[in-house]
Amino acid sequence: MRVKQPEQFDPEKEYKPGERAVYNDMVIIAEVWTKAAQRLADSPGTLFCQRCVRCRIGRDVCTGAHLHCDKYNRTDRKTIFWRLAYPKENAVKQLKKKSDERKQIKSV
């Protein structure tokens, strides 16, 4: 089965939940922020963070407005956040590989 490759992240586009994009050479997925996740984030002593803290879009791109994340800026009235598509272990391996490649290019 052939899977469509994710496109570069576009801050002006409204992404559907489950849709993928490439941001800083990492694949991210739009996830729905549910009421259960909000309750867990609000209760004291949990490891869950608020939505914008859990989101993987950097502060240099996300100004907190006009990224179509909250229900007031979206047509489907869903609140989303971005998570990594692959486990952190794989992301660390990819980053190490890219940094090694950059070091080799700089040394040549």
C-alpha atoms as a PDB file:
ATOM      1  CA  MET A   1       0.000   0.000   0.000  1.00  0.00           C
ATOM      2  CA  ARG A   2       1.394   3.366  -0.964  1.00  0.00           C
ATOM      3  CA  VAL A   3       1.185   6.137   1.617  1.00  0.00           C
ATOM      4  CA  LYS A   4       1.188   9.803   0.655  1.00  0.00           C
ATOM      5  CA  GLN A   5       4.296  11.591   1.907  1.00  0.00           C
ATOM      6  CA  PRO A   6       3.557  14.439   4.314  1.00  0.00           C
ATOM      7  CA  GLU A   7       4.067  17.966   3.040  1.00  0.00           C
ATOM      8  CA  GLN A   8       5.972  20.775   4.723  1.00  0.00           C
ATOM      9  CA  PHE A   9       4.089  22.418   7.603  1.00  0.00           C
ATOM     10  CA  ASP A  10       2.081  25.413   6.421  1.00  0.00           C
ATOM     11  CA  PRO A  11       0.939  27.731   9.258  1.00  0.00           C
ATOM     12  CA  GLU A  12      -1.858  29.136   7.086  1.00  0.00           C
ATOM     13  CA  LYS A  13      -3.473  25.756   6.375  1.00  0.00           C
ATOM     14  CA  GLU A  14      -6.183  24.220   8.550  1.00  0.00           C
ATOM     15  CA  TYR A  15      -5.172  20.611   9.164  1.00  0.00           C
ATOM     16  CA  LYS A  16      -7.651  17.851   9.924  1.00  0.00           C
ATOM     17  CA  PRO A  17      -7.059  15.610  12.958  1.00  0.00           C
ATOM     18  CA  GLY A  18      -4.772  12.758  11.953  1.00  0.00           C
ATOM     19  CA  GLU A  19      -3.188  14.701   9.107  1.00  0.00           C
ATOM     20  CA  ARG A  20       0.609  14.671   8.953  1.00  0.00           C
ATOM     21  CA  ALA A  21       3.143  17.372   8.154  1.00  0.00           C
ATOM     22  CA  VAL A  22       6.920  17.794   8.198  1.00  0.00           C
ATOM     23  CA  TYR A  23       8.268  20.387  10.643  1.00  0.00           C
ATOM     24  CA  ASN A  24      12.010  20.830  11.345  1.00  0.00           C
ATOM     25  CA  ASP A  25      12.742  17.513   9.585  1.00  0.00           C
ATOM     26  CA  MET A  26      10.330  15.672  11.909  1.00  0.00           C
ATOM     27  CA  VAL A  27       6.939  14.219  11.031  1.00  0.00           C
ATOM     28  CA  ILE A  28       4.165  15.583  13.229  1.00  0.00           C
ATOM     29  CA  ILE A  29       0.505  14.570  13.472  1.00  0.00           C
ATOM     30  CA  ALA A  30      -2.491  16.765  14.329  1.00  0.00           C
ATOM     31  CA  GLU A  31      -4.303  15.288  17.350  1.00  0.00           C
ATOM     32  CA  VAL A  32      -7.637  16.305  18.868  1.00  0.00           C
ATOM     33  CA  TRP A  33      -7.394  17.843  22.340  1.00  0.00           C
ATOM     34  CA  THR A  34     -10.163  16.082  24.265  1.00  0.00           C
ATOM     35  CA  LYS A  35     -11.986  17.045  27.455  1.00  0.00           C
ATOM     36  CA  ALA A  36     -10.453  14.025  29.201  1.00  0.00           C
ATOM     37  CA  ALA A  37      -6.946  15.239  28.326  1.00  0.00           C
ATOM     38  CA  GLN A  38      -7.860  18.692  29.630  1.00  0.00           C
ATOM     39  CA  ARG A  39      -9.097  17.233  32.938  1.00  0.00           C
ATOM     40  CA  LEU A  40      -5.856  15.275  33.306  1.00  0.00           C
ATOM     41  CA  ALA A  41      -3.827  18.382  32.513  1.00  0.00           C
ATOM     42  CA  ASP A  42      -5.721  20.451  35.069  1.00  0.00           C
ATOM     43  CA  SER A  43      -5.514  17.986  37.963  1.00  0.00           C
ATOM     44  CA  PRO A  44      -2.515  18.561  40.273  1.00  0.00           C
ATOM     45  CA  GLY A  45       0.303  16.049  40.404  1.00  0.00           C
ATOM     46  CA  THR A  46       0.018  14.723  36.853  1.00  0.00           C
ATOM     47  CA  LEU A  47       2.725  14.546  34.251  1.00  0.00           C
ATOM     48  CA  PHE A  48       0.436  15.872  31.510  1.00  0.00           C
ATOM     49  CA  CYS A  49       1.096  19.431  30.412  1.00  0.00           C
ATOM     50  CA  GLN A  50      -1.227  22.013  28.919  1.00  0.00           C
ATOM     51  CA  ARG A  51      -2.007  21.858  25.211  1.00  0.00           C
ATOM     52  CA  CYS A  52       0.447  24.495  23.990  1.00  0.00           C
ATOM     53  CA  VAL A  53       3.249  22.985  26.072  1.00  0.00           C
ATOM     54  CA  ARG A  54       2.624  19.514  24.634  1.00  0.00           C
ATOM     55  CA  CYS A  55       2.456  20.870  21.076  1.00  0.00           C
ATOM     56  CA  ARG A  56       5.604  20.309  18.978  1.00  0.00           C
ATOM     57  CA  ILE A  57       5.348  23.516  16.957  1.00  0.00           C
ATOM     58  CA  GLY A  58       8.137  25.820  18.092  1.00  0.00           C
ATOM     59  CA  ARG A  59       7.574  29.220  19.670  1.00  0.00           C
ATOM     60  CA  ASP A  60       9.353  30.893  16.749  1.00  0.00           C
ATOM     61  CA  VAL A  61       6.544  29.780  14.396  1.00  0.00           C
ATOM     62  CA  CYS A  62       3.595  29.641  16.798  1.00  0.00           C
ATOM     63  CA  THR A  63       2.518  32.994  18.122  1.00  0.00           C
ATOM     64  CA  GLY A  64      -0.516  31.491  19.813  1.00  0.00           C
ATOM     65  CA  ALA A  65      -2.829  32.875  17.146  1.00  0.00           C
ATOM     66  CA  HIS A  66      -3.795  32.077  13.567  1.00  0.00           C
ATOM     67  CA  LEU A  67      -2.388  28.528  13.474  1.00  0.00           C
ATOM     68  CA  HIS A  68      -5.886  27.059  13.370  1.00  0.00           C
ATOM     69  CA  CYS A  69      -5.347  25.124  16.610  1.00  0.00           C
ATOM     70  CA  ASP A  70      -8.194  26.319  18.797  1.00  0.00           C
ATOM     71  CA  LYS A  71     -11.881  25.843  18.150  1.00  0.00           C
ATOM     72  CA  TYR A  72     -12.479  29.548  17.506  1.00  0.00           C
ATOM     73  CA  ASN A  73     -10.151  29.680  14.479  1.00  0.00           C
ATOM     74  CA  ARG A  74     -11.311  26.383  12.923  1.00  0.00           C
ATOM     75  CA  THR A  75     -14.337  25.545  10.815  1.00  0.00           C
ATOM     76  CA  ASP A  76     -14.929  22.138  12.458  1.00  0.00           C
ATOM     77  CA  ARG A  77     -14.781  23.606  16.026  1.00  0.00           C
ATOM     78  CA  LYS A  78     -12.181  21.064  17.209  1.00  0.00           C
ATOM     79  CA  THR A  79      -9.149  21.940  19.292  1.00  0.00           C
ATOM     80  CA  ILE A  80      -5.946  20.270  18.098  1.00  0.00           C
ATOM     81  CA  PHE A  81      -2.303  20.035  19.063  1.00  0.00           C
ATOM     82  CA  TRP A  82       0.706  18.579  17.242  1.00  0.00           C
ATOM     83  CA  ARG A  83       2.547  15.475  18.419  1.00  0.00           C
ATOM     84  CA  LEU A  84       5.513  13.582  17.001  1.00  0.00           C
ATOM     85  CA  ALA A  85       4.611  10.788  14.613  1.00  0.00           C
ATOM     86  CA  TYR A  86       7.421   8.517  15.768  1.00  0.00           C
ATOM     87  CA  PRO A  87       8.566   7.626  19.268  1.00  0.00           C
ATOM     88  CA  LYS A  88      11.157   9.879  20.799  1.00  0.00           C
ATOM     89  CA  GLU A  89      13.762   7.125  20.544  1.00  0.00           C
ATOM     90  CA  ASN A  90      13.585   7.185  16.737  1.00  0.00           C
ATOM     91  CA  ALA A  91      13.623  10.985  16.633  1.00  0.00           C
ATOM     92  CA  VAL A  92      16.829  11.055  18.685  1.00  0.00           C
ATOM     93  CA  LYS A  93      18.430   8.536  16.334  1.00  0.00           C
ATOM     94  CA  GLN A  94      17.448  10.647  13.314  1.00  0.00           C
ATOM     95  CA  LEU A  95      18.812  13.824  14.891  1.00  0.00           C
ATOM     96  CA  LYS A  96      22.115  12.119  15.749  1.00  0.00           C
ATOM     97  CA  LYS A  97      22.409  10.788  12.205  1.00  0.00           C
ATOM     98  CA  LYS A  98      21.767  14.243  10.720  1.00  0.00           C
ATOM     99  CA  SER A  99      24.258  15.919  13.056  1.00  0.00           C
ATOM    100  CA  ASP A 100      26.884  13.305  12.124  1.00  0.00           C
ATOM    101  CA  GLU A 101      26.211  13.987   8.432  1.00  0.00           C
ATOM    102  CA  ARG A 102      26.584  17.729   8.995  1.00  0.00           C
ATOM    103  CA  LYS A 103      29.880  17.203  10.815  1.00  0.00           C
ATOM    104  CA  GLN A 104      31.176  15.115   7.917  1.00  0.00           C
ATOM    105  CA  ILE A 105      30.149  17.793   5.420  1.00  0.00           C
ATOM    106  CA  LYS A 106      31.828  20.549   7.456  1.00  0.00           C
ATOM    107  CA  SER A 107      35.051  18.556   7.803  1.00  0.00           C
ATOM    108  CA  VAL A 108      35.308  17.994   4.021  1.00  0.00           C
END
